[in-house]
Amino acid sequence: MEYNYSQDFEDQLLNLINQKIPNILYLSLDALATALKMTKLKGNLYPFGSFCNGFESEIKDLDCVFLTPCDDKPTSLLRQVQAGIRAYNEQNLIPSLKINAFISHAKVPIIKLVDTTNNVEIDLSVNNINGIVNSKLLYEYSQLHPKIKQMGLLLKLWGKRNRLIKTGSLSSYGMIIFMIHFLQEKYKVPYLSDFKLTAQHLKNLEQLENNPYFRIGLKVDLPELTQTSLQQLLYEFFSYYQPQGEFQQKNICISIHRIPIQNVHHNFTLKIQDPINLRQDPSKRFELQCLEFQNAFLKAKKLIQQHDIHAFDYNDIAKNKVKKNNKLHQQFQQS
């Protein structure tokens, strides 16, 4: 596919993603771990998502899960966690933690809280192992080649800038699945989840709702990916998913398994097959937005052709997050 390369545009793209995880996130994790120790629950706190999946985000937030052998219902466990956070705050410890919302009726109940000292938002669930496994899988893909991580970070920026990645719609996780599928189809990125399971693996799967097995530490040579610029990759990615583009013509689900599943939902053109939990549908929340997303892909393709960096402008996202955080806190206080 022909594309007019610009070195200046390539440099601008790279400058957007030269970042590291802020140290304050570790302070927030330590504070939450301390609060959890003030409960009577045994277990360990684990971060997941952007913090550790290889596609760290510029926005300061954390997704965490508390794994405990206690078999109480998640809502009951989270109420005990709430008590621990209150006990933590009564000691006037720093950083300070504030509960914004307790979302008990979600498929995965969570507590939304904020480290008010460092302005870090935290979503905490309990015994949600899928988040940990998904994060590890994405991390393994991010380590296969530098371009995979760079492209993923840029697509997250683009998705948030254009309000496609948001609560109740497309997630950052879904966007990365879009990208990995494209790279497997076009640039020979390997299928980490496809390998022969042992008899013990198969026995373990009988007790699980998901398939947590995939290759780790794989070293591969991807010369075509090395030789292709980021702007070319992005241009081809958006072309692949645009209305009536190559992906839509295949009539398959977005999958990172070698053998694709036929998409029988003709109006649901961007249906995702979750790589870990096959019963889960990461695309369910945006089923009616597929054409909107595809048109956004087409628009982004045109902007990249013009070497327009504004497609990835990130200026308003932090402000919107602060407004949303304040609104959640007000709702929680009124309930």
Protein backbone atom coordinates (compact mmCIF):
# COMPACT_ATOMS: atom_id res chain seq x y z
CA MET A 1 0.00 0.00 0.00
CA GLU A 2 1.58 3.29 -1.09
CA TYR A 3 2.16 5.93 1.55
CA ASN A 4 4.06 9.24 1.47
CA TYR A 5 6.55 8.99 4.36
CA SER A 6 7.48 12.03 6.49
CA GLN A 7 10.42 11.87 8.89
CA ASP A 8 9.11 14.90 10.79
CA PHE A 9 5.74 13.19 11.32
CA GLU A 10 7.47 9.99 12.47
CA ASP A 11 9.45 12.01 15.04
CA GLN A 12 6.27 13.69 16.28
CA LEU A 13 4.58 10.32 16.77
CA LEU A 14 7.54 8.95 18.72
CA ASN A 15 7.68 12.05 20.93
CA LEU A 16 4.10 11.41 22.03
CA ILE A 17 4.92 8.03 23.56
CA ASN A 18 8.34 8.46 25.17
CA GLN A 19 7.11 8.03 28.74
CA LYS A 20 7.60 5.98 31.89
CA ILE A 21 5.21 4.90 34.64
CA PRO A 22 5.22 7.71 37.23
CA ASN A 23 6.71 6.76 40.60
CA ILE A 24 3.59 8.09 42.32
CA LEU A 25 1.64 5.06 41.07
CA TYR A 26 3.83 2.85 43.24
CA LEU A 27 3.05 5.12 46.22
CA SER A 28 -0.67 4.66 45.55
CA LEU A 29 -0.25 0.88 45.35
CA ASP A 30 1.63 0.83 48.65
CA ALA A 31 -1.10 2.91 50.31
CA LEU A 32 -3.85 0.57 49.12
CA ALA A 33 -1.84 -2.48 50.20
CA THR A 34 -1.50 -0.93 53.66
CA ALA A 35 -5.27 -0.32 53.84
CA LEU A 36 -5.96 -3.94 52.86
CA LYS A 37 -3.75 -5.15 55.71
CA MET A 38 -6.13 -3.35 58.08
CA THR A 39 -8.88 -5.80 57.14
CA LYS A 40 -9.04 -9.35 58.46
CA LEU A 41 -8.67 -10.70 54.94
CA LYS A 42 -5.66 -12.69 53.82
CA GLY A 43 -4.42 -12.23 50.29
CA ASN A 44 -2.33 -10.15 47.92
CA LEU A 45 -2.86 -7.02 45.85
CA TYR A 46 -1.98 -7.12 42.15
CA PRO A 47 -2.08 -4.33 39.57
CA PHE A 48 -3.27 -5.11 36.06
CA GLY A 49 -4.14 -3.20 32.92
CA SER A 50 -1.99 -0.36 31.59
CA PHE A 51 0.28 -0.35 34.65
CA CYS A 52 1.79 -3.71 33.75
CA ASN A 53 0.52 -4.90 30.34
CA GLY A 54 3.32 -3.24 28.36
CA PHE A 55 1.09 -0.44 27.05
CA GLU A 56 1.38 1.99 29.95
CA SER A 57 -0.87 5.02 29.64
CA GLU A 58 -0.08 8.67 30.26
CA ILE A 59 -3.23 9.04 32.36
CA LYS A 60 -2.53 8.44 36.05
CA ASP A 61 -4.83 5.58 37.03
CA LEU A 62 -4.62 2.05 38.36
CA ASP A 63 -6.62 -1.13 37.96
CA CYS A 64 -6.03 -3.53 40.83
CA VAL A 65 -7.35 -6.85 42.05
CA PHE A 66 -7.15 -8.28 45.55
CA LEU A 67 -6.81 -12.07 45.44
CA THR A 68 -7.95 -13.76 48.62
CA PRO A 69 -8.72 -17.40 49.50
CA CYS A 70 -11.88 -16.18 51.26
CA ASP A 71 -14.89 -17.46 49.31
CA ASP A 72 -17.34 -14.72 50.39
CA LYS A 73 -19.24 -12.94 47.63
CA PRO A 74 -17.27 -10.13 45.94
CA THR A 75 -19.66 -7.47 47.29
CA SER A 76 -19.16 -8.74 50.84
CA LEU A 77 -15.39 -8.75 50.39
CA LEU A 78 -15.44 -5.21 49.01
CA ARG A 79 -17.41 -3.98 52.02
CA GLN A 80 -14.63 -5.34 54.21
CA VAL A 81 -12.14 -3.54 52.00
CA GLN A 82 -14.12 -0.32 52.49
CA ALA A 83 -13.74 -0.75 56.24
CA GLY A 84 -9.98 -1.17 55.81
CA ILE A 85 -9.75 2.03 53.77
CA ARG A 86 -11.71 3.93 56.44
CA ALA A 87 -9.37 2.58 59.13
CA TYR A 88 -6.40 3.66 57.02
CA ASN A 89 -7.74 7.21 56.70
CA GLU A 90 -8.54 7.45 60.41
CA GLN A 91 -4.81 7.19 61.06
CA ASN A 92 -4.21 10.24 58.82
CA LEU A 93 -1.69 8.33 56.74
CA ILE A 94 -0.19 9.72 53.54
CA PRO A 95 -1.12 9.25 50.70
CA SER A 96 -4.78 9.80 51.55
CA LEU A 97 -7.41 7.52 49.98
CA LYS A 98 -10.99 8.59 49.19
CA ILE A 99 -13.77 6.25 48.07
CA ASN A 100 -15.72 7.71 45.16
CA ALA A 101 -18.12 4.87 44.37
CA PHE A 102 -18.99 1.28 45.25
CA ILE A 103 -20.34 -0.34 42.08
CA SER A 104 -21.92 -3.51 43.44
CA HIS A 105 -24.25 -4.55 40.61
CA ALA A 106 -21.66 -4.80 37.82
CA LYS A 107 -20.59 -8.17 36.42
CA VAL A 108 -17.30 -7.52 38.22
CA PRO A 109 -18.09 -5.38 41.29
CA ILE A 110 -15.52 -2.68 42.01
CA ILE A 111 -14.65 0.13 44.38
CA LYS A 112 -13.61 3.35 42.66
CA LEU A 113 -11.26 5.37 44.84
CA VAL A 114 -8.69 8.12 44.54
CA ASP A 115 -5.28 8.71 46.04
CA THR A 116 -6.05 12.40 46.67
CA THR A 117 -2.46 13.19 47.58
CA ASN A 118 -1.14 12.20 44.15
CA ASN A 119 -4.40 12.50 42.16
CA VAL A 120 -4.36 8.83 41.11
CA GLU A 121 -7.66 7.07 40.34
CA ILE A 122 -7.92 3.42 41.37
CA ASP A 123 -10.44 0.73 40.42
CA LEU A 124 -10.30 -2.22 42.82
CA SER A 125 -11.94 -5.62 42.32
CA VAL A 126 -11.55 -8.92 44.18
CA ASN A 127 -10.64 -12.37 42.85
CA ASN A 128 -10.89 -11.17 39.25
CA ILE A 129 -8.12 -13.33 37.83
CA ASN A 130 -9.03 -12.58 34.20
CA GLY A 131 -7.60 -9.07 34.46
CA ILE A 132 -4.24 -10.41 35.61
CA VAL A 133 -4.04 -13.07 32.89
CA ASN A 134 -5.13 -10.66 30.13
CA SER A 135 -2.49 -8.16 31.22
CA LYS A 136 0.23 -10.79 31.15
CA LEU A 137 -0.81 -11.90 27.66
CA LEU A 138 -0.72 -8.33 26.32
CA TYR A 139 2.64 -7.79 28.01
CA GLU A 140 4.08 -10.78 26.17
CA TYR A 141 2.89 -9.31 22.86
CA SER A 142 4.34 -5.89 23.74
CA GLN A 143 7.76 -7.49 24.19
CA LEU A 144 7.85 -9.22 20.78
CA HIS A 145 8.90 -6.03 18.95
CA PRO A 146 9.26 -2.31 19.88
CA LYS A 147 6.85 -1.31 17.12
CA ILE A 148 4.04 -3.32 18.75
CA LYS A 149 4.30 -1.33 21.97
CA GLN A 150 4.71 1.99 20.14
CA MET A 151 1.74 1.37 17.88
CA GLY A 152 -0.42 0.26 20.80
CA LEU A 153 0.34 3.42 22.78
CA LEU A 154 -0.48 5.62 19.80
CA LEU A 155 -3.77 3.82 19.17
CA LYS A 156 -4.74 4.30 22.82
CA LEU A 157 -3.96 8.01 22.49
CA TRP A 158 -6.01 8.21 19.32
CA GLY A 159 -8.94 6.28 20.81
CA LYS A 160 -9.12 8.49 23.90
CA ARG A 161 -8.63 11.70 21.93
CA ASN A 162 -11.59 10.78 19.73
CA ARG A 163 -13.67 9.50 22.69
CA LEU A 164 -13.94 5.99 21.28
CA ILE A 165 -12.16 4.52 24.30
CA LYS A 166 -14.39 5.34 27.24
CA THR A 167 -16.42 3.72 30.00
CA GLY A 168 -19.30 1.69 28.63
CA SER A 169 -17.85 1.47 25.14
CA LEU A 170 -14.54 0.38 23.61
CA SER A 171 -11.78 -0.29 26.16
CA SER A 172 -8.03 0.13 25.77
CA TYR A 173 -7.86 -3.67 26.00
CA GLY A 174 -10.21 -4.00 23.02
CA MET A 175 -8.16 -1.52 20.98
CA ILE A 176 -4.98 -3.53 21.60
CA ILE A 177 -6.78 -6.71 20.48
CA PHE A 178 -7.74 -4.87 17.27
CA MET A 179 -4.08 -4.05 16.72
CA ILE A 180 -2.64 -7.49 17.49
CA HIS A 181 -5.11 -9.14 15.12
CA PHE A 182 -4.09 -6.72 12.35
CA LEU A 183 -0.37 -7.35 12.94
CA GLN A 184 -0.89 -11.11 12.91
CA GLU A 185 -2.77 -10.90 9.63
CA LYS A 186 -0.36 -8.49 7.90
CA TYR A 187 3.04 -8.68 9.63
CA LYS A 188 3.46 -12.30 10.79
CA VAL A 189 3.22 -11.56 14.51
CA PRO A 190 2.90 -15.00 16.18
CA TYR A 191 -0.16 -16.45 17.89
CA LEU A 192 0.93 -16.83 21.52
CA SER A 193 -2.26 -18.62 22.61
CA ASP A 194 -1.95 -21.36 20.00
CA PHE A 195 0.16 -24.25 21.22
CA LYS A 196 -0.44 -27.87 22.10
CA LEU A 197 -1.86 -28.35 25.58
CA THR A 198 -0.60 -31.19 27.77
CA ALA A 199 -2.91 -33.68 29.45
CA GLN A 200 -2.51 -31.73 32.70
CA HIS A 201 -3.44 -28.48 30.96
CA LEU A 202 -6.60 -30.07 29.59
CA LYS A 203 -7.48 -31.45 33.01
CA ASN A 204 -7.04 -28.01 34.57
CA LEU A 205 -9.28 -26.43 31.93
CA GLU A 206 -12.18 -28.60 33.10
CA GLN A 207 -12.20 -26.59 36.34
CA LEU A 208 -11.78 -23.16 34.72
CA GLU A 209 -14.02 -20.79 32.80
CA ASN A 210 -11.12 -19.55 30.73
CA ASN A 211 -7.93 -20.66 28.99
CA PRO A 212 -5.00 -19.01 30.78
CA TYR A 213 -2.31 -20.81 28.78
CA PHE A 214 -0.02 -19.02 26.31
CA ARG A 215 3.65 -18.87 25.42
CA ILE A 216 5.87 -16.51 27.38
CA GLY A 217 9.33 -15.15 26.66
CA LEU A 218 9.11 -15.93 22.95
CA LYS A 219 11.92 -14.44 20.82
CA VAL A 220 11.09 -13.86 17.16
CA ASP A 221 12.52 -12.01 14.19
CA LEU A 222 9.98 -9.74 12.49
CA PRO A 223 11.92 -8.05 9.66
CA GLU A 224 8.85 -6.67 7.87
CA LEU A 225 7.73 -4.94 11.05
CA THR A 226 11.23 -3.54 11.59
CA GLN A 227 11.32 -2.07 8.10
CA THR A 228 7.88 -0.41 8.29
CA SER A 229 7.42 3.05 9.80
CA LEU A 230 4.91 3.73 12.54
CA GLN A 231 2.92 6.08 10.30
CA GLN A 232 2.70 3.40 7.62
CA LEU A 233 1.51 0.85 10.18
CA LEU A 234 -1.14 3.23 11.47
CA TYR A 235 -2.25 4.08 7.94
CA GLU A 236 -2.63 0.39 7.07
CA PHE A 237 -4.36 -0.36 10.38
CA PHE A 238 -7.04 2.27 9.80
CA SER A 239 -7.42 1.16 6.17
CA TYR A 240 -7.89 -2.45 7.31
CA TYR A 241 -10.81 -1.57 9.62
CA GLN A 242 -12.44 1.23 7.60
CA PRO A 243 -16.00 0.76 6.19
CA GLN A 244 -15.99 -2.01 3.59
CA GLY A 245 -12.28 -2.49 4.25
CA GLU A 246 -10.31 -5.72 4.13
CA PHE A 247 -11.39 -6.87 7.60
CA GLN A 248 -15.10 -6.38 6.97
CA GLN A 249 -14.85 -8.34 3.72
CA LYS A 250 -13.55 -11.37 5.66
CA ASN A 251 -16.69 -11.52 7.81
CA ILE A 252 -14.81 -12.90 10.84
CA CYS A 253 -14.49 -11.98 14.49
CA ILE A 254 -11.49 -9.99 15.68
CA SER A 255 -9.38 -12.75 17.18
CA ILE A 256 -5.73 -13.31 18.10
CA HIS A 257 -6.05 -17.07 17.58
CA ARG A 258 -4.75 -18.63 14.37
CA ILE A 259 -8.11 -20.06 13.31
CA PRO A 260 -10.69 -17.23 13.12
CA ILE A 261 -14.34 -17.60 14.08
CA GLN A 262 -16.93 -16.69 11.47
CA ASN A 263 -18.93 -13.63 12.43
CA VAL A 264 -22.63 -14.52 12.10
CA HIS A 265 -23.73 -11.08 13.31
CA HIS A 266 -23.70 -9.17 10.02
CA ASN A 267 -24.41 -5.76 11.56
CA PHE A 268 -21.82 -6.30 14.32
CA THR A 269 -18.77 -5.88 12.11
CA LEU A 270 -16.19 -5.38 14.90
CA LYS A 271 -17.09 -8.30 17.17
CA ILE A 272 -14.14 -9.41 19.34
CA GLN A 273 -13.33 -12.92 20.50
CA ASP A 274 -11.71 -12.64 23.93
CA PRO A 275 -8.38 -14.54 23.90
CA ILE A 276 -8.68 -15.78 27.50
CA ASN A 277 -12.34 -16.08 28.45
CA LEU A 278 -14.29 -17.26 25.43
CA ARG A 279 -17.58 -16.59 27.23
CA GLN A 280 -16.72 -12.92 27.56
CA ASP A 281 -17.39 -10.38 24.80
CA PRO A 282 -15.18 -7.27 25.06
CA SER A 283 -17.11 -5.73 22.15
CA LYS A 284 -20.64 -6.12 23.53
CA ARG A 285 -20.81 -2.56 24.81
CA PHE A 286 -20.19 -0.98 21.42
CA GLU A 287 -22.27 -3.33 19.28
CA LEU A 288 -24.35 -0.43 17.94
CA GLN A 289 -21.33 1.83 17.37
CA CYS A 290 -19.42 -0.25 14.80
CA LEU A 291 -20.14 2.04 11.85
CA GLU A 292 -19.22 5.07 13.98
CA PHE A 293 -15.88 3.44 14.82
CA GLN A 294 -15.22 2.44 11.21
CA ASN A 295 -15.90 5.99 10.04
CA ALA A 296 -13.48 7.23 12.71
CA PHE A 297 -10.87 4.82 11.30
CA LEU A 298 -11.44 6.26 7.83
CA LYS A 299 -11.09 9.83 9.11
CA ALA A 300 -7.87 8.94 10.95
CA LYS A 301 -6.45 7.35 7.81
CA LYS A 302 -7.01 10.62 5.92
CA LEU A 303 -5.37 12.68 8.68
CA ILE A 304 -2.32 10.41 8.65
CA GLN A 305 -2.08 10.85 4.90
CA GLN A 306 -1.84 14.59 5.62
CA HIS A 307 0.73 14.00 8.41
CA ASP A 308 -1.66 15.68 10.86
CA ILE A 309 -0.55 15.00 14.46
CA HIS A 310 -3.82 16.43 15.84
CA ALA A 311 -5.41 13.01 15.37
CA PHE A 312 -3.45 12.04 18.50
CA ASP A 313 -3.90 15.28 20.50
CA TYR A 314 -4.20 14.46 24.18
CA ASN A 315 -4.82 17.87 25.71
CA ASP A 316 -8.42 17.53 26.90
CA ILE A 317 -8.36 14.02 28.32
CA ALA A 318 -7.01 14.81 31.79
CA LYS A 319 -9.57 17.60 32.25
CA ASN A 320 -12.41 15.28 31.31
CA LYS A 321 -11.17 12.65 33.77
CA VAL A 322 -11.13 15.19 36.63
CA LYS A 323 -14.71 16.29 35.83
CA LYS A 324 -15.88 12.66 35.75
CA ASN A 325 -14.11 11.94 39.05
CA ASN A 326 -15.83 14.88 40.79
CA LYS A 327 -19.24 13.80 39.45
CA LEU A 328 -18.78 10.23 40.76
CA HIS A 329 -17.79 11.54 44.18
CA GLN A 330 -20.91 13.73 44.36
CA GLN A 331 -23.14 10.77 43.41
CA PHE A 332 -21.50 8.57 46.05
CA GLN A 333 -21.95 11.24 48.73
CA GLN A 334 -25.65 11.56 47.87
CA SER A 335 -26.32 7.80 47.95
